[in-house]
Amino acid sequence: MSDNPLKPLDDGQVEDVAGGYLFNAYDLETGPWRLEKPYEVIDDNGDVFERFASHVDAKKFAQQNGYSTDWLNWPQLQKLRETGNPY
């Protein structure tokens, strides 16, 4: 066991950490954007960060902005919002 204290991550390491998820809200939502932009980038709290018309665009945005490209289903999104962890 090391006697070294924990050290915070530097900026370069933090940039590589992925958070958030992707979600397809097409079958769940009734808002006017549902047909136009059903693919959502979800933050770590389960809130919608951005919506897209294409799942490819949502995934590309997630990759370029440090979000995970893991897709959640509705029960997982609900669990994320309730507990902070979708699994």
Protein backbone atom coordinates (compact mmCIF):
# COMPACT_ATOMS: atom_id res chain seq x y z
CA MET A 1 0.00 0.00 0.00
CA SER A 2 1.36 3.41 -0.93
CA ASP A 3 1.86 6.28 1.49
CA ASN A 4 1.19 8.79 -1.32
CA PRO A 5 -1.95 10.87 -0.80
CA LEU A 6 -4.54 11.04 -3.55
CA LYS A 7 -3.78 13.67 -6.15
CA PRO A 8 -6.37 15.55 -8.20
CA LEU A 9 -6.52 14.90 -11.93
CA ASP A 10 -4.86 17.45 -14.15
CA ASP A 11 -6.81 19.15 -16.97
CA GLY A 12 -5.56 16.70 -19.60
CA GLN A 13 -6.83 13.73 -17.60
CA VAL A 14 -10.19 15.34 -16.87
CA GLU A 15 -10.81 15.94 -20.58
CA ASP A 16 -10.65 12.19 -21.20
CA VAL A 17 -13.32 11.37 -18.59
CA ALA A 18 -16.68 10.59 -20.18
CA GLY A 19 -19.92 11.42 -18.46
CA GLY A 20 -23.51 11.42 -19.54
CA TYR A 21 -25.38 9.14 -21.91
CA LEU A 22 -27.49 8.97 -25.05
CA PHE A 23 -31.24 8.35 -25.09
CA ASN A 24 -33.92 7.93 -27.78
CA ALA A 25 -37.05 9.73 -26.54
CA TYR A 26 -39.15 9.13 -29.67
CA ASP A 27 -41.61 6.68 -28.10
CA LEU A 28 -41.88 8.47 -24.75
CA GLU A 29 -42.31 12.14 -25.33
CA THR A 30 -45.19 14.08 -26.82
CA GLY A 31 -43.53 17.49 -27.20
CA PRO A 32 -43.40 19.18 -30.59
CA TRP A 33 -39.66 18.46 -30.86
CA ARG A 34 -40.26 14.70 -30.53
CA LEU A 35 -40.49 14.10 -34.27
CA GLU A 36 -37.79 16.61 -35.11
CA LYS A 37 -35.16 15.85 -32.45
CA PRO A 38 -35.82 12.63 -30.52
CA TYR A 39 -32.18 11.73 -29.83
CA GLU A 40 -30.93 13.20 -26.58
CA VAL A 41 -27.56 13.71 -24.98
CA ILE A 42 -28.14 13.25 -21.25
CA ASP A 43 -25.92 14.70 -18.53
CA ASP A 44 -24.79 12.84 -15.41
CA ASN A 45 -27.92 13.95 -13.54
CA GLY A 46 -30.28 12.55 -16.17
CA ASP A 47 -31.19 15.95 -17.58
CA VAL A 48 -31.36 16.59 -21.33
CA PHE A 49 -28.31 18.55 -22.43
CA GLU A 50 -28.96 18.63 -26.19
CA ARG A 51 -31.39 17.10 -28.72
CA PHE A 52 -30.70 15.91 -32.27
CA ALA A 53 -32.66 14.76 -35.31
CA SER A 54 -30.17 11.98 -36.02
CA HIS A 55 -28.70 9.35 -33.72
CA VAL A 56 -25.45 9.76 -35.67
CA ASP A 57 -25.36 13.48 -34.84
CA ALA A 58 -26.12 12.80 -31.18
CA LYS A 59 -23.30 10.27 -30.97
CA LYS A 60 -20.88 12.59 -32.78
CA PHE A 61 -21.72 15.45 -30.39
CA ALA A 62 -21.25 13.14 -27.40
CA GLN A 63 -17.84 12.00 -28.66
CA GLN A 64 -16.66 15.53 -29.36
CA ASN A 65 -17.83 16.92 -26.01
CA GLY A 66 -16.72 14.27 -23.52
CA TYR A 67 -20.05 12.47 -23.12
CA SER A 68 -20.38 8.73 -23.13
CA THR A 69 -21.84 7.11 -26.24
CA ASP A 70 -23.68 4.49 -24.18
CA TRP A 71 -27.41 4.38 -24.91
CA LEU A 72 -29.82 4.16 -22.00
CA ASN A 73 -33.30 2.69 -22.09
CA TRP A 74 -36.20 4.30 -20.21
CA PRO A 75 -35.82 2.26 -16.97
CA GLN A 76 -32.11 3.07 -16.89
CA LEU A 77 -32.75 6.78 -17.40
CA GLN A 78 -35.32 6.74 -14.59
CA LYS A 79 -32.84 4.98 -12.31
CA LEU A 80 -30.13 7.53 -13.19
CA ARG A 81 -32.49 10.35 -12.25
CA GLU A 82 -33.46 8.67 -8.97
CA THR A 83 -30.11 7.30 -7.79
CA GLY A 84 -27.38 8.93 -9.87
CA ASN A 85 -26.47 5.59 -11.45
CA PRO A 86 -28.32 3.93 -14.33
CA TYR A 87 -27.07 0.42 -13.57
